[in-house]
Amino acid sequence: MPTVSSEELAAAAGVNSAKLRKDFSYLGSYGTRGVGYDVEYLVYQISRELGLTQDWPVVIVGIGNLGAALANYGGFASRGFRVAALIDADPAMAGKPVAGMPVQHTDDLERIIEDNGVSIGVIATPAGAAQQVCERLVAAGVTSILNFAPTVLSVPDGVDVRKVDLSIELQILAFHEQRKAGEEAAADGVVPPAAAKPHRKGPDGDVPAVMPA
């Protein structure tokens, strides 16, 4: 039976092992001293707390390039999410198979949600259509939305929205790249132009605008 120690888990997660053991105790999971935690049972307990041990039907609205890529993503099923329907507003898409499922038209959105007991919707439409799609999903009973459209959605209380903005993720990476470049320059003794102190004219010629203390 595979086991793992709290020290190994703490090292992998970058946290303190004592804190990790305390957090696991809230799951009702107590390891065996000198042995550790039963990996399979620990995974089950964490999955249960995250709501991943049950079947969650999901609809994807907007089957363009991004929506089709999401439909073909194989990681949903292993985490407890079942793509119940693919929906698009283009009549030419209706009936076309994507990821082994026929695309359905948005005219049937409300019926699809009711028939499949859907509470989670994924929006992958253009920005201009996202708010209207969101409102229809919410009116049909969807209470959680994953939004890939490049716009901010307005939803009533009780509805959760998670926005996935790829441009922001790239900006974050660019920030880290910029910082790494600055650190490398500093290590090489190079002062980046932005870090150079401004100068002013003094009676004796150029002197730093801010004199050293």
N, C-alpha and C. Protein backbone atom coordinates (compact mmCIF):
# COMPACT_ATOMS: atom_id res chain seq x y z
N MET A 1 0.85 -1.19 0.00
CA MET A 1 0.00 0.00 0.00
C MET A 1 0.90 1.25 0.00
N PRO A 2 0.90 2.06 -1.07
CA PRO A 2 1.77 3.24 -1.14
C PRO A 2 1.42 4.25 -0.05
N THR A 3 2.45 4.76 0.60
CA THR A 3 2.27 5.79 1.62
C THR A 3 3.22 6.94 1.33
N VAL A 4 2.94 8.07 1.97
CA VAL A 4 3.80 9.24 1.82
C VAL A 4 3.87 9.94 3.17
N SER A 5 5.03 10.45 3.52
CA SER A 5 5.18 11.12 4.81
C SER A 5 4.80 12.59 4.71
N SER A 6 4.49 13.18 5.86
CA SER A 6 4.15 14.60 5.88
C SER A 6 5.35 15.44 5.48
N GLU A 7 6.56 14.96 5.81
CA GLU A 7 7.76 15.71 5.43
C GLU A 7 7.93 15.74 3.91
N GLU A 8 7.66 14.61 3.25
CA GLU A 8 7.77 14.57 1.79
C GLU A 8 6.73 15.47 1.14
N LEU A 9 5.50 15.42 1.65
CA LEU A 9 4.44 16.26 1.10
C LEU A 9 4.75 17.73 1.34
N ALA A 10 5.24 18.06 2.55
CA ALA A 10 5.55 19.45 2.88
C ALA A 10 6.66 19.99 1.98
N ALA A 11 7.67 19.16 1.73
CA ALA A 11 8.78 19.59 0.87
C ALA A 11 8.29 19.83 -0.56
N ALA A 12 7.40 18.96 -1.03
CA ALA A 12 6.88 19.11 -2.40
C ALA A 12 6.00 20.35 -2.52
N ALA A 13 5.26 20.67 -1.44
CA ALA A 13 4.35 21.82 -1.48
C ALA A 13 5.00 23.11 -1.03
N GLY A 14 6.19 23.01 -0.43
CA GLY A 14 6.87 24.20 0.05
C GLY A 14 6.26 24.79 1.29
N VAL A 15 5.74 23.93 2.17
CA VAL A 15 5.11 24.40 3.41
C VAL A 15 5.74 23.67 4.60
N ASN A 16 5.35 24.10 5.79
CA ASN A 16 5.83 23.48 7.01
C ASN A 16 5.10 22.17 7.26
N SER A 17 5.83 21.11 7.65
CA SER A 17 5.22 19.79 7.82
C SER A 17 4.21 19.77 8.97
N ALA A 18 4.48 20.54 10.03
CA ALA A 18 3.55 20.58 11.16
C ALA A 18 2.23 21.22 10.74
N LYS A 19 2.30 22.28 9.95
CA LYS A 19 1.09 22.93 9.45
C LYS A 19 0.33 22.00 8.52
N LEU A 20 1.08 21.27 7.69
CA LEU A 20 0.44 20.34 6.77
C LEU A 20 -0.33 19.26 7.54
N ARG A 21 0.28 18.72 8.60
CA ARG A 21 -0.40 17.69 9.40
C ARG A 21 -1.65 18.25 10.05
N LYS A 22 -1.57 19.49 10.53
CA LYS A 22 -2.74 20.13 11.15
C LYS A 22 -3.86 20.31 10.14
N ASP A 23 -3.51 20.76 8.92
CA ASP A 23 -4.52 20.95 7.88
C ASP A 23 -5.18 19.62 7.51
N PHE A 24 -4.37 18.57 7.41
CA PHE A 24 -4.93 17.27 7.07
C PHE A 24 -5.85 16.75 8.16
N SER A 25 -5.61 17.16 9.41
CA SER A 25 -6.47 16.69 10.50
C SER A 25 -7.90 17.18 10.33
N TYR A 26 -8.08 18.32 9.64
CA TYR A 26 -9.43 18.83 9.40
C TYR A 26 -10.18 17.95 8.40
N LEU A 27 -9.44 17.18 7.61
CA LEU A 27 -10.07 16.26 6.67
C LEU A 27 -10.46 14.95 7.36
N GLY A 28 -10.05 14.82 8.62
CA GLY A 28 -10.25 13.56 9.31
C GLY A 28 -9.18 12.56 8.94
N SER A 29 -8.07 13.08 8.38
CA SER A 29 -7.01 12.19 7.93
C SER A 29 -5.84 12.25 8.90
N TYR A 30 -5.59 11.15 9.57
CA TYR A 30 -4.49 11.08 10.51
C TYR A 30 -3.49 10.03 10.02
N GLY A 31 -2.26 10.48 9.80
CA GLY A 31 -1.24 9.56 9.34
C GLY A 31 -0.74 8.67 10.47
N THR A 32 -0.02 7.65 10.11
CA THR A 32 0.57 6.74 11.09
C THR A 32 2.02 7.12 11.30
N ARG A 33 2.39 7.35 12.57
CA ARG A 33 3.75 7.77 12.88
C ARG A 33 4.75 6.73 12.34
N GLY A 34 5.74 7.21 11.64
CA GLY A 34 6.75 6.33 11.09
C GLY A 34 6.36 5.69 9.77
N VAL A 35 5.08 5.86 9.39
CA VAL A 35 4.60 5.27 8.13
C VAL A 35 4.15 6.35 7.17
N GLY A 36 3.34 7.29 7.67
CA GLY A 36 2.84 8.37 6.84
C GLY A 36 1.38 8.19 6.50
N TYR A 37 0.98 8.72 5.36
CA TYR A 37 -0.42 8.69 4.92
C TYR A 37 -0.61 7.70 3.79
N ASP A 38 -1.75 7.01 3.84
CA ASP A 38 -2.16 6.14 2.74
C ASP A 38 -2.50 7.05 1.55
N VAL A 39 -1.73 6.97 0.48
CA VAL A 39 -1.87 7.90 -0.64
C VAL A 39 -3.27 7.85 -1.26
N GLU A 40 -3.76 6.64 -1.52
CA GLU A 40 -5.07 6.50 -2.18
C GLU A 40 -6.18 7.10 -1.34
N TYR A 41 -6.16 6.84 -0.03
CA TYR A 41 -7.21 7.36 0.84
C TYR A 41 -7.09 8.87 1.00
N LEU A 42 -5.87 9.37 1.04
CA LEU A 42 -5.66 10.81 1.16
C LEU A 42 -6.18 11.54 -0.07
N VAL A 43 -5.90 10.99 -1.25
CA VAL A 43 -6.41 11.58 -2.49
C VAL A 43 -7.93 11.61 -2.49
N TYR A 44 -8.54 10.52 -1.99
CA TYR A 44 -10.00 10.45 -1.93
C TYR A 44 -10.55 11.54 -1.00
N GLN A 45 -9.92 11.69 0.18
CA GLN A 45 -10.41 12.68 1.14
C GLN A 45 -10.32 14.10 0.59
N ILE A 46 -9.21 14.41 -0.06
CA ILE A 46 -9.05 15.74 -0.63
C ILE A 46 -10.05 15.96 -1.76
N SER A 47 -10.22 14.95 -2.60
CA SER A 47 -11.18 15.04 -3.71
C SER A 47 -12.59 15.23 -3.19
N ARG A 48 -12.93 14.54 -2.11
CA ARG A 48 -14.26 14.66 -1.53
C ARG A 48 -14.51 16.08 -1.05
N GLU A 49 -13.51 16.68 -0.36
CA GLU A 49 -13.67 18.04 0.14
C GLU A 49 -13.78 19.05 -1.00
N LEU A 50 -13.14 18.77 -2.12
CA LEU A 50 -13.20 19.67 -3.28
C LEU A 50 -14.43 19.42 -4.14
N GLY A 51 -15.24 18.45 -3.77
CA GLY A 51 -16.44 18.15 -4.54
C GLY A 51 -16.16 17.42 -5.83
N LEU A 52 -15.05 16.68 -5.87
CA LEU A 52 -14.64 16.02 -7.11
C LEU A 52 -14.96 14.54 -7.14
N THR A 53 -15.69 14.06 -6.12
CA THR A 53 -16.02 12.64 -6.11
C THR A 53 -17.41 12.39 -6.70
N GLN A 54 -18.05 13.44 -7.18
CA GLN A 54 -19.34 13.27 -7.82
C GLN A 54 -19.27 13.75 -9.25
N ASP A 55 -20.31 13.45 -10.01
CA ASP A 55 -20.37 13.81 -11.42
C ASP A 55 -20.92 15.23 -11.56
N TRP A 56 -20.15 16.12 -12.21
CA TRP A 56 -20.61 17.50 -12.44
C TRP A 56 -20.83 17.69 -13.94
N PRO A 57 -22.08 17.74 -14.40
CA PRO A 57 -22.33 18.01 -15.82
C PRO A 57 -22.03 19.47 -16.14
N VAL A 58 -21.34 19.68 -17.24
CA VAL A 58 -20.91 21.02 -17.66
C VAL A 58 -21.34 21.25 -19.10
N VAL A 59 -21.77 22.49 -19.41
CA VAL A 59 -22.01 22.86 -20.80
C VAL A 59 -20.97 23.88 -21.23
N ILE A 60 -20.53 23.76 -22.48
CA ILE A 60 -19.60 24.72 -23.06
C ILE A 60 -20.36 25.49 -24.13
N VAL A 61 -20.41 26.81 -23.98
CA VAL A 61 -21.13 27.65 -24.94
C VAL A 61 -20.11 28.45 -25.74
N GLY A 62 -20.16 28.28 -27.06
CA GLY A 62 -19.21 28.93 -27.95
C GLY A 62 -18.18 27.93 -28.43
N ILE A 63 -18.46 27.29 -29.57
CA ILE A 63 -17.58 26.22 -30.04
C ILE A 63 -16.75 26.71 -31.23
N GLY A 64 -15.99 27.77 -30.97
CA GLY A 64 -14.98 28.20 -31.93
C GLY A 64 -13.71 27.43 -31.65
N ASN A 65 -12.57 28.03 -31.98
CA ASN A 65 -11.30 27.34 -31.76
C ASN A 65 -11.07 27.03 -30.28
N LEU A 66 -11.34 28.01 -29.42
CA LEU A 66 -11.12 27.81 -27.99
C LEU A 66 -12.13 26.82 -27.41
N GLY A 67 -13.40 26.99 -27.76
CA GLY A 67 -14.42 26.08 -27.25
C GLY A 67 -14.18 24.65 -27.68
N ALA A 68 -13.74 24.47 -28.93
CA ALA A 68 -13.44 23.13 -29.43
C ALA A 68 -12.25 22.53 -28.70
N ALA A 69 -11.25 23.37 -28.41
CA ALA A 69 -10.08 22.88 -27.68
C ALA A 69 -10.48 22.45 -26.27
N LEU A 70 -11.37 23.21 -25.63
CA LEU A 70 -11.84 22.83 -24.30
C LEU A 70 -12.64 21.53 -24.36
N ALA A 71 -13.45 21.38 -25.39
CA ALA A 71 -14.25 20.17 -25.55
C ALA A 71 -13.36 18.93 -25.70
N ASN A 72 -12.21 19.12 -26.33
CA ASN A 72 -11.29 18.00 -26.56
C ASN A 72 -10.32 17.77 -25.40
N TYR A 73 -10.39 18.63 -24.39
CA TYR A 73 -9.47 18.49 -23.26
C TYR A 73 -9.83 17.25 -22.46
N GLY A 74 -8.87 16.38 -22.25
CA GLY A 74 -9.14 15.11 -21.59
C GLY A 74 -9.11 15.15 -20.08
N GLY A 75 -8.76 16.30 -19.50
CA GLY A 75 -8.60 16.36 -18.06
C GLY A 75 -9.87 16.55 -17.27
N PHE A 76 -10.97 16.90 -17.93
CA PHE A 76 -12.22 17.14 -17.20
C PHE A 76 -12.74 15.87 -16.53
N ALA A 77 -12.81 14.80 -17.28
CA ALA A 77 -13.42 13.57 -16.78
C ALA A 77 -12.68 13.02 -15.57
N SER A 78 -11.36 13.12 -15.58
CA SER A 78 -10.59 12.58 -14.45
C SER A 78 -10.79 13.37 -13.17
N ARG A 79 -11.32 14.59 -13.28
CA ARG A 79 -11.56 15.43 -12.11
C ARG A 79 -13.04 15.49 -11.73
N GLY A 80 -13.86 14.69 -12.38
CA GLY A 80 -15.27 14.63 -12.00
C GLY A 80 -16.18 15.53 -12.81
N PHE A 81 -15.67 16.09 -13.92
CA PHE A 81 -16.50 16.97 -14.74
C PHE A 81 -16.84 16.28 -16.06
N ARG A 82 -18.12 16.24 -16.35
CA ARG A 82 -18.60 15.59 -17.58
C ARG A 82 -19.17 16.66 -18.50
N VAL A 83 -18.62 16.78 -19.70
CA VAL A 83 -19.17 17.73 -20.67
C VAL A 83 -20.49 17.17 -21.19
N ALA A 84 -21.58 17.80 -20.75
CA ALA A 84 -22.91 17.29 -21.08
C ALA A 84 -23.39 17.78 -22.43
N ALA A 85 -22.91 18.97 -22.86
CA ALA A 85 -23.38 19.51 -24.14
C ALA A 85 -22.44 20.59 -24.63
N LEU A 86 -22.36 20.69 -25.96
CA LEU A 86 -21.63 21.76 -26.64
C LEU A 86 -22.66 22.61 -27.36
N ILE A 87 -22.60 23.92 -27.15
CA ILE A 87 -23.66 24.81 -27.65
C ILE A 87 -23.04 25.96 -28.42
N ASP A 88 -23.64 26.29 -29.57
CA ASP A 88 -23.14 27.40 -30.37
C ASP A 88 -24.31 28.11 -31.06
N ALA A 89 -24.12 29.41 -31.33
CA ALA A 89 -25.19 30.21 -31.94
C ALA A 89 -25.22 30.09 -33.46
N ASP A 90 -24.18 29.54 -34.05
CA ASP A 90 -24.11 29.42 -35.51
C ASP A 90 -24.92 28.22 -35.98
N PRO A 91 -25.98 28.46 -36.76
CA PRO A 91 -26.79 27.34 -37.25
C PRO A 91 -25.98 26.33 -38.06
N ALA A 92 -24.92 26.80 -38.70
CA ALA A 92 -24.10 25.90 -39.51
C ALA A 92 -23.34 24.90 -38.64
N MET A 93 -23.19 25.21 -37.36
CA MET A 93 -22.47 24.31 -36.46
C MET A 93 -23.37 23.21 -35.90
N ALA A 94 -24.68 23.43 -35.93
CA ALA A 94 -25.62 22.49 -35.32
C ALA A 94 -25.48 21.11 -35.94
N GLY A 95 -25.29 20.12 -35.08
CA GLY A 95 -25.18 18.74 -35.52
C GLY A 95 -23.77 18.30 -35.85
N LYS A 96 -22.85 19.24 -35.99
CA LYS A 96 -21.47 18.87 -36.31
C LYS A 96 -20.81 18.23 -35.10
N PRO A 97 -20.08 17.15 -35.30
CA PRO A 97 -19.43 16.49 -34.16
C PRO A 97 -18.14 17.21 -33.77
N VAL A 98 -18.01 17.47 -32.49
CA VAL A 98 -16.78 18.03 -31.92
C VAL A 98 -16.47 17.20 -30.68
N ALA A 99 -15.29 16.65 -30.64
CA ALA A 99 -14.89 15.77 -29.53
C ALA A 99 -15.89 14.63 -29.35
N GLY A 100 -16.45 14.17 -30.45
CA GLY A 100 -17.38 13.05 -30.41
C GLY A 100 -18.79 13.40 -29.99
N MET A 101 -19.09 14.70 -29.87
CA MET A 101 -20.43 15.13 -29.48
C MET A 101 -21.00 16.07 -30.53
N PRO A 102 -22.30 15.96 -30.83
CA PRO A 102 -22.89 16.90 -31.79
C PRO A 102 -23.11 18.26 -31.13
N VAL A 103 -22.74 19.32 -31.84
CA VAL A 103 -22.97 20.68 -31.34
C VAL A 103 -24.47 20.98 -31.42
N GLN A 104 -24.99 21.60 -30.37
CA GLN A 104 -26.40 21.97 -30.33
C GLN A 104 -26.55 23.49 -30.40
N HIS A 105 -27.69 23.94 -30.89
CA HIS A 105 -27.91 25.37 -31.09
C HIS A 105 -28.33 26.05 -29.80
N THR A 106 -28.00 27.33 -29.68
CA THR A 106 -28.32 28.08 -28.46
C THR A 106 -29.83 28.22 -28.24
N ASP A 107 -30.63 28.01 -29.26
CA ASP A 107 -32.08 28.05 -29.06
C ASP A 107 -32.53 27.01 -28.03
N ASP A 108 -31.76 25.94 -27.91
CA ASP A 108 -32.13 24.85 -27.00
C ASP A 108 -31.39 24.92 -25.67
N LEU A 109 -30.72 26.05 -25.39
CA LEU A 109 -29.87 26.14 -24.20
C LEU A 109 -30.62 25.82 -22.91
N GLU A 110 -31.78 26.44 -22.72
CA GLU A 110 -32.52 26.23 -21.48
C GLU A 110 -32.96 24.79 -21.30
N ARG A 111 -33.41 24.17 -22.38
CA ARG A 111 -33.84 22.76 -22.30
C ARG A 111 -32.66 21.86 -21.98
N ILE A 112 -31.53 22.14 -22.60
CA ILE A 112 -30.33 21.32 -22.38
C ILE A 112 -29.92 21.37 -20.91
N ILE A 113 -29.93 22.56 -20.34
CA ILE A 113 -29.53 22.72 -18.94
C ILE A 113 -30.48 21.99 -18.02
N GLU A 114 -31.77 22.10 -18.29
CA GLU A 114 -32.76 21.43 -17.45
C GLU A 114 -32.66 19.91 -17.59
N ASP A 115 -32.54 19.42 -18.80
CA ASP A 115 -32.51 17.97 -19.03
C ASP A 115 -31.29 17.31 -18.39
N ASN A 116 -30.18 18.05 -18.32
CA ASN A 116 -28.93 17.47 -17.82
C ASN A 116 -28.60 17.88 -16.39
N GLY A 117 -29.45 18.69 -15.77
CA GLY A 117 -29.19 19.13 -14.40
C GLY A 117 -27.90 19.90 -14.27
N VAL A 118 -27.63 20.79 -15.22
CA VAL A 118 -26.36 21.51 -15.26
C VAL A 118 -26.36 22.68 -14.29
N SER A 119 -25.28 22.80 -13.51
CA SER A 119 -25.11 23.96 -12.63
C SER A 119 -23.83 24.73 -12.94
N ILE A 120 -23.00 24.18 -13.84
CA ILE A 120 -21.74 24.83 -14.21
C ILE A 120 -21.71 25.05 -15.72
N GLY A 121 -21.47 26.30 -16.11
CA GLY A 121 -21.39 26.64 -17.52
C GLY A 121 -20.04 27.24 -17.87
N VAL A 122 -19.53 26.92 -19.05
CA VAL A 122 -18.28 27.48 -19.55
C VAL A 122 -18.61 28.37 -20.74
N ILE A 123 -18.18 29.63 -20.67
CA ILE A 123 -18.44 30.58 -21.75
C ILE A 123 -17.16 30.80 -22.54
N ALA A 124 -17.19 30.46 -23.84
CA ALA A 124 -16.03 30.64 -24.72
C ALA A 124 -16.46 31.39 -25.97
N THR A 125 -17.40 32.29 -25.80
CA THR A 125 -17.94 33.08 -26.91
C THR A 125 -17.10 34.34 -27.12
N PRO A 126 -17.34 35.07 -28.23
CA PRO A 126 -16.74 36.40 -28.35
C PRO A 126 -17.26 37.31 -27.24
N ALA A 127 -16.52 38.36 -26.95
CA ALA A 127 -16.86 39.24 -25.83
C ALA A 127 -18.27 39.82 -25.94
N GLY A 128 -18.66 40.19 -27.16
CA GLY A 128 -19.96 40.84 -27.34
C GLY A 128 -21.15 39.97 -27.02
N ALA A 129 -20.98 38.67 -27.07
CA ALA A 129 -22.11 37.76 -26.81
C ALA A 129 -22.09 37.20 -25.40
N ALA A 130 -21.01 37.41 -24.67
CA ALA A 130 -20.82 36.71 -23.39
C ALA A 130 -21.86 37.09 -22.33
N GLN A 131 -22.17 38.38 -22.19
CA GLN A 131 -23.10 38.79 -21.14
C GLN A 131 -24.49 38.21 -21.36
N GLN A 132 -24.95 38.23 -22.61
CA GLN A 132 -26.28 37.68 -22.90
C GLN A 132 -26.31 36.18 -22.64
N VAL A 133 -25.26 35.49 -23.04
CA VAL A 133 -25.18 34.05 -22.77
C VAL A 133 -25.17 33.80 -21.27
N CYS A 134 -24.42 34.60 -20.56
CA CYS A 134 -24.35 34.48 -19.10
C CYS A 134 -25.73 34.63 -18.47
N GLU A 135 -26.47 35.63 -18.89
CA GLU A 135 -27.80 35.87 -18.33
C GLU A 135 -28.75 34.72 -18.61
N ARG A 136 -28.65 34.14 -19.79
CA ARG A 136 -29.49 32.99 -20.12
C ARG A 136 -29.11 31.77 -19.28
N LEU A 137 -27.82 31.57 -19.09
CA LEU A 137 -27.37 30.45 -18.27
C LEU A 137 -27.89 30.60 -16.84
N VAL A 138 -27.75 31.79 -16.29
CA VAL A 138 -28.18 32.03 -14.91
C VAL A 138 -29.70 31.86 -14.79
N ALA A 139 -30.43 32.41 -15.75
CA ALA A 139 -31.90 32.29 -15.71
C ALA A 139 -32.34 30.83 -15.80
N ALA A 140 -31.52 30.00 -16.45
CA ALA A 140 -31.86 28.58 -16.62
C ALA A 140 -31.46 27.74 -15.41
N GLY A 141 -30.73 28.34 -14.46
CA GLY A 141 -30.38 27.61 -13.25
C GLY A 141 -28.90 27.39 -13.01
N VAL A 142 -28.05 27.86 -13.91
CA VAL A 142 -26.60 27.72 -13.73
C VAL A 142 -26.14 28.69 -12.63
N THR A 143 -25.37 28.20 -11.69
CA THR A 143 -24.93 29.03 -10.56
C THR A 143 -23.41 29.21 -10.50
N SER A 144 -22.68 28.56 -11.41
CA SER A 144 -21.23 28.72 -11.48
C SER A 144 -20.82 28.83 -12.94
N ILE A 145 -19.97 29.83 -13.23
CA ILE A 145 -19.57 30.08 -14.61
C ILE A 145 -18.06 30.24 -14.71
N LEU A 146 -17.49 29.53 -15.68
CA LEU A 146 -16.08 29.71 -16.01
C LEU A 146 -16.04 30.52 -17.30
N ASN A 147 -15.49 31.73 -17.22
CA ASN A 147 -15.56 32.67 -18.34
C ASN A 147 -14.22 32.82 -19.05
N PHE A 148 -14.19 32.40 -20.32
CA PHE A 148 -13.00 32.58 -21.15
C PHE A 148 -13.14 33.78 -22.07
N ALA A 149 -14.31 34.39 -22.13
CA ALA A 149 -14.52 35.54 -22.99
C ALA A 149 -13.76 36.75 -22.43
N PRO A 150 -13.16 37.57 -23.29
CA PRO A 150 -12.38 38.72 -22.82
C PRO A 150 -13.26 39.88 -22.39
N THR A 151 -14.05 39.66 -21.38
CA THR A 151 -14.93 40.70 -20.84
C THR A 151 -15.31 40.34 -19.41
N VAL A 152 -15.71 41.34 -18.66
CA VAL A 152 -16.15 41.13 -17.28
C VAL A 152 -17.66 40.92 -17.27
N LEU A 153 -18.11 39.85 -16.63
CA LEU A 153 -19.52 39.53 -16.59
C LEU A 153 -20.18 40.09 -15.34
N SER A 154 -21.42 40.53 -15.50
CA SER A 154 -22.22 40.98 -14.37
C SER A 154 -23.21 39.88 -14.01
N VAL A 155 -23.16 39.42 -12.76
CA VAL A 155 -24.03 38.32 -12.34
C VAL A 155 -24.69 38.68 -11.01
N PRO A 156 -25.84 38.09 -10.72
CA PRO A 156 -26.50 38.35 -9.44
C PRO A 156 -25.81 37.64 -8.30
N ASP A 157 -26.17 38.03 -7.07
CA ASP A 157 -25.64 37.35 -5.90
C ASP A 157 -25.99 35.87 -5.95
N GLY A 158 -25.06 35.06 -5.49
CA GLY A 158 -25.29 33.62 -5.49
C GLY A 158 -24.73 32.91 -6.69
N VAL A 159 -24.23 33.68 -7.66
CA VAL A 159 -23.62 33.09 -8.85
C VAL A 159 -22.12 33.35 -8.80
N ASP A 160 -21.33 32.30 -8.92
CA ASP A 160 -19.88 32.41 -8.89
C ASP A 160 -19.32 32.45 -10.31
N VAL A 161 -18.39 33.38 -10.54
CA VAL A 161 -17.74 33.50 -11.84
C VAL A 161 -16.23 33.45 -11.65
N ARG A 162 -15.58 32.59 -12.44
CA ARG A 162 -14.13 32.55 -12.50
C ARG A 162 -13.73 32.95 -13.91
N LYS A 163 -12.89 33.98 -13.99
CA LYS A 163 -12.48 34.48 -15.31
C LYS A 163 -11.08 33.98 -15.65
N VAL A 164 -10.94 33.44 -16.84
CA VAL A 164 -9.64 32.98 -17.33
C VAL A 164 -9.20 33.96 -18.41
N ASP A 165 -8.20 34.79 -18.09
CA ASP A 165 -7.71 35.80 -19.02
C ASP A 165 -6.28 35.45 -19.40
N LEU A 166 -6.10 34.93 -20.60
CA LEU A 166 -4.79 34.47 -21.04
C LEU A 166 -3.81 35.64 -21.18
N SER A 167 -4.30 36.83 -21.56
CA SER A 167 -3.40 37.97 -21.70
C SER A 167 -2.83 38.40 -20.36
N ILE A 168 -3.64 38.30 -19.30
CA ILE A 168 -3.14 38.65 -17.97
C ILE A 168 -2.08 37.66 -17.53
N GLU A 169 -2.31 36.38 -17.82
CA GLU A 169 -1.31 35.38 -17.47
C GLU A 169 0.02 35.65 -18.19
N LEU A 170 -0.06 36.08 -19.45
CA LEU A 170 1.16 36.42 -20.19
C LEU A 170 1.82 37.66 -19.59
N GLN A 171 1.01 38.63 -19.15
CA GLN A 171 1.57 39.83 -18.52
C GLN A 171 2.31 39.48 -17.24
N ILE A 172 1.76 38.54 -16.50
CA ILE A 172 2.42 38.11 -15.26
C ILE A 172 3.78 37.48 -15.59
N LEU A 173 3.81 36.64 -16.64
CA LEU A 173 5.07 36.03 -17.04
C LEU A 173 6.06 37.09 -17.52
N ALA A 174 5.56 38.10 -18.24
CA ALA A 174 6.44 39.17 -18.71
C ALA A 174 7.03 39.93 -17.53
N PHE A 175 6.23 40.15 -16.49
CA PHE A 175 6.73 40.82 -15.29
C PHE A 175 7.87 40.03 -14.66
N HIS A 176 7.69 38.71 -14.56
CA HIS A 176 8.74 37.87 -13.98
C HIS A 176 10.00 37.87 -14.85
N GLU A 177 9.82 37.87 -16.17
CA GLU A 177 10.96 37.93 -17.06
C GLU A 177 11.73 39.24 -16.88
N GLN A 178 10.97 40.34 -16.76
CA GLN A 178 11.59 41.65 -16.55
C GLN A 178 12.37 41.68 -15.25
N ARG A 179 11.80 41.12 -14.21
CA ARG A 179 12.46 41.11 -12.91
C ARG A 179 13.73 40.25 -12.95
N LYS A 180 13.62 39.08 -13.63
CA LYS A 180 14.81 38.22 -13.73
C LYS A 180 15.93 38.92 -14.49
N ALA A 181 15.57 39.66 -15.54
CA ALA A 181 16.57 40.38 -16.32
C ALA A 181 17.25 41.44 -15.45
N GLY A 182 16.47 42.11 -14.61
CA GLY A 182 17.04 43.11 -13.71
C GLY A 182 17.97 42.50 -12.69
N GLU A 183 17.58 41.32 -12.17
CA GLU A 183 18.43 40.65 -11.19
C GLU A 183 19.74 40.20 -11.82
N GLU A 184 19.67 39.70 -13.07
CA GLU A 184 20.87 39.26 -13.77
C GLU A 184 21.80 40.44 -14.05
N ALA A 185 21.19 41.59 -14.43
CA ALA A 185 21.99 42.78 -14.70
C ALA A 185 22.68 43.26 -13.44
N ALA A 186 21.94 43.22 -12.31
CA ALA A 186 22.53 43.65 -11.04
C ALA A 186 23.67 42.73 -10.64
N ALA A 187 23.50 41.43 -10.88
CA ALA A 187 24.55 40.46 -10.54
C ALA A 187 25.81 40.70 -11.37
N ASP A 188 25.62 41.22 -12.60
CA ASP A 188 26.76 41.50 -13.46
C ASP A 188 27.33 42.89 -13.23
N GLY A 189 26.75 43.62 -12.27
CA GLY A 189 27.23 44.96 -11.97
C GLY A 189 26.76 46.02 -12.93
N VAL A 190 25.72 45.70 -13.71
CA VAL A 190 25.18 46.65 -14.67
C VAL A 190 23.98 47.35 -14.05
N VAL A 191 23.95 48.67 -14.09
CA VAL A 191 22.83 49.43 -13.55
C VAL A 191 21.84 49.70 -14.67
N PRO A 192 20.62 49.15 -14.57
CA PRO A 192 19.63 49.41 -15.61
C PRO A 192 19.37 50.90 -15.74
N PRO A 193 19.05 51.39 -16.94
CA PRO A 193 18.81 52.83 -17.15
C PRO A 193 17.78 53.40 -16.19
N ALA A 194 16.73 52.63 -15.88
CA ALA A 194 15.67 53.14 -15.01
C ALA A 194 16.17 53.34 -13.59
N ALA A 195 17.27 52.62 -13.23
CA ALA A 195 17.76 52.71 -11.87
C ALA A 195 18.80 53.81 -11.71
N ALA A 196 19.27 54.38 -12.83
CA ALA A 196 20.27 55.44 -12.75
C ALA A 196 19.69 56.67 -12.10
N LYS A 197 20.46 57.33 -11.25
CA LYS A 197 19.97 58.52 -10.54
C LYS A 197 19.96 59.71 -11.48
N PRO A 198 18.90 60.54 -11.42
CA PRO A 198 18.85 61.73 -12.26
C PRO A 198 19.89 62.75 -11.81
N HIS A 199 20.33 63.59 -12.74
CA HIS A 199 21.34 64.61 -12.44
C HIS A 199 20.73 66.00 -12.57
N ARG A 200 21.38 66.96 -11.91
CA ARG A 200 21.02 68.37 -12.07
C ARG A 200 22.32 69.17 -12.17
N LYS A 201 22.21 70.34 -12.71
CA LYS A 201 23.38 71.20 -12.83
C LYS A 201 23.64 71.90 -11.50
N GLY A 202 24.86 71.82 -11.02
CA GLY A 202 25.25 72.53 -9.82
C GLY A 202 26.34 73.52 -10.14
N PRO A 203 26.78 74.26 -9.14
CA PRO A 203 27.83 75.25 -9.39
C PRO A 203 29.13 74.61 -9.84
N ASP A 204 29.33 73.35 -9.51
CA ASP A 204 30.56 72.66 -9.89
C ASP A 204 30.34 71.70 -11.04
N GLY A 205 29.25 71.90 -11.78
CA GLY A 205 28.96 71.00 -12.89
C GLY A 205 27.88 70.01 -12.53
N ASP A 206 27.87 68.83 -13.23
CA ASP A 206 26.84 67.82 -12.98
C ASP A 206 27.06 67.17 -11.63
N VAL A 207 26.00 67.11 -10.83
CA VAL A 207 26.03 66.38 -9.58
C VAL A 207 24.72 65.63 -9.46
N PRO A 208 24.70 64.53 -8.71
CA PRO A 208 23.45 63.80 -8.57
C PRO A 208 22.37 64.68 -7.97
N ALA A 209 21.13 64.52 -8.45
CA ALA A 209 20.01 65.28 -7.91
C ALA A 209 19.76 64.90 -6.47
N VAL A 210 20.02 63.66 -6.11
CA VAL A 210 19.87 63.20 -4.72
C VAL A 210 21.24 62.78 -4.24
N MET A 211 21.79 63.54 -3.31
CA MET A 211 23.13 63.24 -2.84
C MET A 211 23.09 62.07 -1.88
N PRO A 212 24.12 61.25 -1.85
CA PRO A 212 24.17 60.15 -0.89
C PRO A 212 24.16 60.67 0.53
N ALA A 213 23.53 59.88 1.45
CA ALA A 213 23.51 60.31 2.84
C ALA A 213 24.89 60.20 3.43
